[in-house]
Amino acid sequence: EVVEHEKTGFIVPPKSVTETAHALEKLIDNKNLRITFGNNGRKKVEKEYSWNDNLKQIIKLYLKLV
């Protein structure tokens, strides 16, 4: 769920050695791409998986149930 193809990383078929090698070559050769993927991934995790955001969702659910 965290990895979005070409935004936070690459999603390649598990048995595709060629596509995996190509994705790794891109990452090895492009420092800015690695930084961008890392920053985008961090932002996504902070936004969607932060304690405060999850707590708000839990409270909403609890109030619905009560």
PDB file of N, CA and C in Angstrom:
ATOM      1  N   GLU A   1       0.809  -1.204   0.000  1.00  0.00           N
ATOM      2  CA  GLU A   1       0.000   0.000   0.000  1.00  0.00           C
ATOM      3  C   GLU A   1       0.844   1.256   0.000  1.00  0.00           C
ATOM      4  N   VAL A   2       2.033   1.195   0.536  1.00  0.00           N
ATOM      5  CA  VAL A   2       2.869   2.394   0.600  1.00  0.00           C
ATOM      6  C   VAL A   2       3.506   2.688  -0.753  1.00  0.00           C
ATOM      7  N   VAL A   3       3.907   1.645  -1.452  1.00  0.00           N
ATOM      8  CA  VAL A   3       4.603   1.853  -2.725  1.00  0.00           C
ATOM      9  C   VAL A   3       3.598   2.146  -3.833  1.00  0.00           C
ATOM     10  N   GLU A   4       3.758   3.312  -4.448  1.00  0.00           N
ATOM     11  CA  GLU A   4       3.000   3.679  -5.633  1.00  0.00           C
ATOM     12  C   GLU A   4       3.998   3.693  -6.786  1.00  0.00           C
ATOM     13  N   HIS A   5       3.695   2.927  -7.806  1.00  0.00           N
ATOM     14  CA  HIS A   5       4.632   2.762  -8.915  1.00  0.00           C
ATOM     15  C   HIS A   5       5.070   4.116  -9.481  1.00  0.00           C
ATOM     16  N   GLU A   6       6.372   4.298  -9.532  1.00  0.00           N
ATOM     17  CA  GLU A   6       7.044   5.485 -10.061  1.00  0.00           C
ATOM     18  C   GLU A   6       6.727   6.769  -9.298  1.00  0.00           C
ATOM     19  N   LYS A   7       6.171   6.633  -8.081  1.00  0.00           N
ATOM     20  CA  LYS A   7       5.985   7.796  -7.216  1.00  0.00           C
ATOM     21  C   LYS A   7       6.755   7.608  -5.908  1.00  0.00           C
ATOM     22  N   THR A   8       6.585   6.440  -5.292  1.00  0.00           N
ATOM     23  CA  THR A   8       7.328   6.134  -4.076  1.00  0.00           C
ATOM     24  C   THR A   8       8.250   4.936  -4.254  1.00  0.00           C
ATOM     25  N   GLY A   9       8.272   4.384  -5.457  1.00  0.00           N
ATOM     26  CA  GLY A   9       9.123   3.233  -5.749  1.00  0.00           C
ATOM     27  C   GLY A   9       8.687   2.569  -7.031  1.00  0.00           C
ATOM     28  N   PHE A  10       9.202   1.379  -7.259  1.00  0.00           N
ATOM     29  CA  PHE A  10       8.828   0.598  -8.429  1.00  0.00           C
ATOM     30  C   PHE A  10       8.111  -0.670  -7.984  1.00  0.00           C
ATOM     31  N   ILE A  11       7.058  -1.014  -8.683  1.00  0.00           N
ATOM     32  CA  ILE A  11       6.393  -2.296  -8.462  1.00  0.00           C
ATOM     33  C   ILE A  11       6.673  -3.141  -9.698  1.00  0.00           C
ATOM     34  N   VAL A  12       7.357  -4.236  -9.490  1.00  0.00           N
ATOM     35  CA  VAL A  12       7.690  -5.127 -10.609  1.00  0.00           C
ATOM     36  C   VAL A  12       7.150  -6.518 -10.303  1.00  0.00           C
ATOM     37  N   PRO A  13       6.790  -7.251 -11.352  1.00  0.00           N
ATOM     38  CA  PRO A  13       6.319  -8.626 -11.130  1.00  0.00           C
ATOM     39  C   PRO A  13       7.388  -9.442 -10.405  1.00  0.00           C
ATOM     40  N   PRO A  14       6.982 -10.258  -9.444  1.00  0.00           N
ATOM     41  CA  PRO A  14       7.955 -10.985  -8.624  1.00  0.00           C
ATOM     42  C   PRO A  14       8.925 -11.863  -9.403  1.00  0.00           C
ATOM     43  N   LYS A  15       8.511 -12.401 -10.542  1.00  0.00           N
ATOM     44  CA  LYS A  15       9.388 -13.317 -11.278  1.00  0.00           C
ATOM     45  C   LYS A  15      10.033 -12.655 -12.487  1.00  0.00           C
ATOM     46  N   SER A  16       9.928 -11.342 -12.593  1.00  0.00           N
ATOM     47  CA  SER A  16      10.491 -10.646 -13.747  1.00  0.00           C
ATOM     48  C   SER A  16      11.890 -10.126 -13.428  1.00  0.00           C
ATOM     49  N   VAL A  17      12.869 -10.946 -13.706  1.00  0.00           N
ATOM     50  CA  VAL A  17      14.263 -10.578 -13.436  1.00  0.00           C
ATOM     51  C   VAL A  17      14.659  -9.359 -14.258  1.00  0.00           C
ATOM     52  N   THR A  18      14.209  -9.299 -15.496  1.00  0.00           N
ATOM     53  CA  THR A  18      14.564  -8.183 -16.375  1.00  0.00           C
ATOM     54  C   THR A  18      14.024  -6.864 -15.850  1.00  0.00           C
ATOM     55  N   GLU A  19      12.741  -6.841 -15.475  1.00  0.00           N
ATOM     56  CA  GLU A  19      12.147  -5.607 -14.961  1.00  0.00           C
ATOM     57  C   GLU A  19      12.752  -5.212 -13.625  1.00  0.00           C
ATOM     58  N   THR A  20      13.047  -6.191 -12.787  1.00  0.00           N
ATOM     59  CA  THR A  20      13.682  -5.907 -11.501  1.00  0.00           C
ATOM     60  C   THR A  20      15.058  -5.296 -11.721  1.00  0.00           C
ATOM     61  N   ALA A  21      15.833  -5.873 -12.622  1.00  0.00           N
ATOM     62  CA  ALA A  21      17.172  -5.361 -12.922  1.00  0.00           C
ATOM     63  C   ALA A  21      17.087  -3.937 -13.487  1.00  0.00           C
ATOM     64  N   HIS A  22      16.129  -3.704 -14.361  1.00  0.00           N
ATOM     65  CA  HIS A  22      15.966  -2.370 -14.950  1.00  0.00           C
ATOM     66  C   HIS A  22      15.619  -1.341 -13.865  1.00  0.00           C
ATOM     67  N   ALA A  23      14.698  -1.701 -12.959  1.00  0.00           N
ATOM     68  CA  ALA A  23      14.326  -0.793 -11.865  1.00  0.00           C
ATOM     69  C   ALA A  23      15.523  -0.506 -10.965  1.00  0.00           C
ATOM     70  N   LEU A  24      16.297  -1.534 -10.650  1.00  0.00           N
ATOM     71  CA  LEU A  24      17.487  -1.339  -9.810  1.00  0.00           C
ATOM     72  C   LEU A  24      18.519  -0.457 -10.506  1.00  0.00           C
ATOM     73  N   GLU A  25      18.704  -0.648 -11.801  1.00  0.00           N
ATOM     74  CA  GLU A  25      19.637   0.197 -12.549  1.00  0.00           C
ATOM     75  C   GLU A  25      19.213   1.661 -12.484  1.00  0.00           C
ATOM     76  N   LYS A  26      17.917   1.906 -12.647  1.00  0.00           N
ATOM     77  CA  LYS A  26      17.412   3.279 -12.570  1.00  0.00           C
ATOM     78  C   LYS A  26      17.718   3.894 -11.204  1.00  0.00           C
ATOM     79  N   LEU A  27      17.496   3.119 -10.152  1.00  0.00           N
ATOM     80  CA  LEU A  27      17.739   3.630  -8.803  1.00  0.00           C
ATOM     81  C   LEU A  27      19.222   3.846  -8.535  1.00  0.00           C
ATOM     82  N   ILE A  28      20.037   2.939  -8.996  1.00  0.00           N
ATOM     83  CA  ILE A  28      21.486   3.065  -8.787  1.00  0.00           C
ATOM     84  C   ILE A  28      22.034   4.285  -9.526  1.00  0.00           C
ATOM     85  N   ASP A  29      21.540   4.506 -10.730  1.00  0.00           N
ATOM     86  CA  ASP A  29      22.058   5.581 -11.579  1.00  0.00           C
ATOM     87  C   ASP A  29      21.491   6.957 -11.268  1.00  0.00           C
ATOM     88  N   ASN A  30      20.404   7.032 -10.501  1.00  0.00           N
ATOM     89  CA  ASN A  30      19.729   8.313 -10.333  1.00  0.00           C
ATOM     90  C   ASN A  30      19.491   8.627  -8.857  1.00  0.00           C
ATOM     91  N   LYS A  31      20.428   9.371  -8.280  1.00  0.00           N
ATOM     92  CA  LYS A  31      20.333   9.731  -6.865  1.00  0.00           C
ATOM     93  C   LYS A  31      19.078  10.554  -6.592  1.00  0.00           C
ATOM     94  N   ASN A  32      18.747  11.480  -7.491  1.00  0.00           N
ATOM     95  CA  ASN A  32      17.560  12.316  -7.287  1.00  0.00           C
ATOM     96  C   ASN A  32      16.278  11.488  -7.255  1.00  0.00           C
ATOM     97  N   LEU A  33      16.219  10.442  -8.054  1.00  0.00           N
ATOM     98  CA  LEU A  33      15.057   9.560  -8.049  1.00  0.00           C
ATOM     99  C   LEU A  33      14.936   8.852  -6.704  1.00  0.00           C
ATOM    100  N   ARG A  34      16.061   8.395  -6.163  1.00  0.00           N
ATOM    101  CA  ARG A  34      16.042   7.744  -4.847  1.00  0.00           C
ATOM    102  C   ARG A  34      15.551   8.711  -3.782  1.00  0.00           C
ATOM    103  N   ILE A  35      16.035   9.939  -3.844  1.00  0.00           N
ATOM    104  CA  ILE A  35      15.617  10.953  -2.869  1.00  0.00           C
ATOM    105  C   ILE A  35      14.128  11.263  -3.016  1.00  0.00           C
ATOM    106  N   THR A  36      13.678  11.412  -4.256  1.00  0.00           N
ATOM    107  CA  THR A  36      12.267  11.706  -4.508  1.00  0.00           C
ATOM    108  C   THR A  36      11.374  10.583  -4.005  1.00  0.00           C
ATOM    109  N   PHE A  37      11.719   9.339  -4.326  1.00  0.00           N
ATOM    110  CA  PHE A  37      10.934   8.201  -3.850  1.00  0.00           C
ATOM    111  C   PHE A  37      10.901   8.184  -2.320  1.00  0.00           C
ATOM    112  N   GLY A  38      12.043   8.414  -1.702  1.00  0.00           N
ATOM    113  CA  GLY A  38      12.108   8.414  -0.240  1.00  0.00           C
ATOM    114  C   GLY A  38      11.248   9.504   0.371  1.00  0.00           C
ATOM    115  N   ASN A  39      11.348  10.706  -0.174  1.00  0.00           N
ATOM    116  CA  ASN A  39      10.540  11.823   0.337  1.00  0.00           C
ATOM    117  C   ASN A  39       9.053  11.572   0.135  1.00  0.00           C
ATOM    118  N   ASN A  40       8.682  11.101  -1.051  1.00  0.00           N
ATOM    119  CA  ASN A  40       7.273  10.816  -1.323  1.00  0.00           C
ATOM    120  C   ASN A  40       6.734   9.714  -0.408  1.00  0.00           C
ATOM    121  N   GLY A  41       7.541   8.689  -0.203  1.00  0.00           N
ATOM    122  CA  GLY A  41       7.124   7.604   0.680  1.00  0.00           C
ATOM    123  C   GLY A  41       6.954   8.072   2.115  1.00  0.00           C
ATOM    124  N   ARG A  42       7.880   8.879   2.574  1.00  0.00           N
ATOM    125  CA  ARG A  42       7.784   9.402   3.941  1.00  0.00           C
ATOM    126  C   ARG A  42       6.533  10.250   4.117  1.00  0.00           C
ATOM    127  N   LYS A  43       6.263  11.136   3.139  1.00  0.00           N
ATOM    128  CA  LYS A  43       5.065  11.979   3.210  1.00  0.00           C
ATOM    129  C   LYS A  43       3.799  11.132   3.259  1.00  0.00           C
ATOM    130  N   LYS A  44       3.760  10.094   2.441  1.00  0.00           N
ATOM    131  CA  LYS A  44       2.582   9.227   2.405  1.00  0.00           C
ATOM    132  C   LYS A  44       2.379   8.520   3.743  1.00  0.00           C
ATOM    133  N   VAL A  45       3.454   7.993   4.299  1.00  0.00           N
ATOM    134  CA  VAL A  45       3.354   7.292   5.580  1.00  0.00           C
ATOM    135  C   VAL A  45       2.948   8.258   6.682  1.00  0.00           C
ATOM    136  N   GLU A  46       3.550   9.448   6.711  1.00  0.00           N
ATOM    137  CA  GLU A  46       3.193  10.431   7.728  1.00  0.00           C
ATOM    138  C   GLU A  46       1.726  10.839   7.610  1.00  0.00           C
ATOM    139  N   LYS A  47       1.241  10.962   6.379  1.00  0.00           N
ATOM    140  CA  LYS A  47      -0.139  11.379   6.154  1.00  0.00           C
ATOM    141  C   LYS A  47      -1.138  10.268   6.464  1.00  0.00           C
ATOM    142  N   GLU A  48      -0.869   9.070   5.985  1.00  0.00           N
ATOM    143  CA  GLU A  48      -1.856   7.999   6.068  1.00  0.00           C
ATOM    144  C   GLU A  48      -1.695   7.070   7.267  1.00  0.00           C
ATOM    145  N   TYR A  49      -0.545   7.084   7.902  1.00  0.00           N
ATOM    146  CA  TYR A  49      -0.313   6.133   8.977  1.00  0.00           C
ATOM    147  C   TYR A  49       0.122   6.792  10.283  1.00  0.00           C
ATOM    148  N   SER A  50      -0.037   8.108  10.373  1.00  0.00           N
ATOM    149  CA  SER A  50       0.389   8.784  11.595  1.00  0.00           C
ATOM    150  C   SER A  50      -0.555   8.455  12.749  1.00  0.00           C
ATOM    151  N   TRP A  51      -0.042   8.514  13.942  1.00  0.00           N
ATOM    152  CA  TRP A  51      -0.828   8.223  15.137  1.00  0.00           C
ATOM    153  C   TRP A  51      -2.023   9.159  15.221  1.00  0.00           C
ATOM    154  N   ASN A  52      -1.819  10.462  14.995  1.00  0.00           N
ATOM    155  CA  ASN A  52      -2.914  11.427  15.123  1.00  0.00           C
ATOM    156  C   ASN A  52      -4.032  11.147  14.119  1.00  0.00           C
ATOM    157  N   ASP A  53      -3.689  10.883  12.872  1.00  0.00           N
ATOM    158  CA  ASP A  53      -4.718  10.602  11.870  1.00  0.00           C
ATOM    159  C   ASP A  53      -5.453   9.310  12.189  1.00  0.00           C
ATOM    160  N   ASN A  54      -4.730   8.300  12.608  1.00  0.00           N
ATOM    161  CA  ASN A  54      -5.381   7.042  12.959  1.00  0.00           C
ATOM    162  C   ASN A  54      -6.251   7.196  14.201  1.00  0.00           C
ATOM    163  N   LEU A  55      -5.795   7.985  15.145  1.00  0.00           N
ATOM    164  CA  LEU A  55      -6.571   8.213  16.361  1.00  0.00           C
ATOM    165  C   LEU A  55      -7.893   8.891  16.017  1.00  0.00           C
ATOM    166  N   LYS A  56      -7.854   9.861  15.101  1.00  0.00           N
ATOM    167  CA  LYS A  56      -9.089  10.524  14.674  1.00  0.00           C
ATOM    168  C   LYS A  56     -10.063   9.522  14.066  1.00  0.00           C
ATOM    169  N   GLN A  57      -9.547   8.612  13.250  1.00  0.00           N
ATOM    170  CA  GLN A  57     -10.397   7.595  12.628  1.00  0.00           C
ATOM    171  C   GLN A  57     -10.971   6.635  13.674  1.00  0.00           C
ATOM    172  N   ILE A  58     -10.166   6.271  14.650  1.00  0.00           N
ATOM    173  CA  ILE A  58     -10.625   5.369  15.709  1.00  0.00           C
ATOM    174  C   ILE A  58     -11.716   6.041  16.531  1.00  0.00           C
ATOM    175  N   ILE A  59     -11.535   7.311  16.849  1.00  0.00           N
ATOM    176  CA  ILE A  59     -12.547   8.052  17.616  1.00  0.00           C
ATOM    177  C   ILE A  59     -13.853   8.139  16.831  1.00  0.00           C
ATOM    178  N   LYS A  60     -13.772   8.445  15.536  1.00  0.00           N
ATOM    179  CA  LYS A  60     -14.977   8.502  14.696  1.00  0.00           C
ATOM    180  C   LYS A  60     -15.701   7.163  14.693  1.00  0.00           C
ATOM    181  N   LEU A  61     -14.949   6.089  14.532  1.00  0.00           N
ATOM    182  CA  LEU A  61     -15.548   4.755  14.542  1.00  0.00           C
ATOM    183  C   LEU A  61     -16.180   4.450  15.878  1.00  0.00           C
ATOM    184  N   TYR A  62     -15.484   4.763  16.948  1.00  0.00           N
ATOM    185  CA  TYR A  62     -15.994   4.523  18.305  1.00  0.00           C
ATOM    186  C   TYR A  62     -17.303   5.284  18.517  1.00  0.00           C
ATOM    187  N   LEU A  63     -17.339   6.555  18.111  1.00  0.00           N
ATOM    188  CA  LEU A  63     -18.544   7.363  18.294  1.00  0.00           C
ATOM    189  C   LEU A  63     -19.708   6.820  17.471  1.00  0.00           C
ATOM    190  N   LYS A  64     -19.429   6.263  16.315  1.00  0.00           N
ATOM    191  CA  LYS A  64     -20.485   5.638  15.518  1.00  0.00           C
ATOM    192  C   LYS A  64     -21.062   4.424  16.229  1.00  0.00           C
ATOM    193  N   LEU A  65     -20.175   3.664  16.848  1.00  0.00           N
ATOM    194  CA  LEU A  65     -20.599   2.435  17.498  1.00  0.00           C
ATOM    195  C   LEU A  65     -21.339   2.697  18.812  1.00  0.00           C
ATOM    196  N   VAL A  66     -21.016   3.797  19.452  1.00  0.00           N
ATOM    197  CA  VAL A  66     -21.613   4.109  20.762  1.00  0.00           C
ATOM    198  C   VAL A  66     -22.912   4.759  20.611  1.00  0.00           C
TER     199      VAL A  66
END
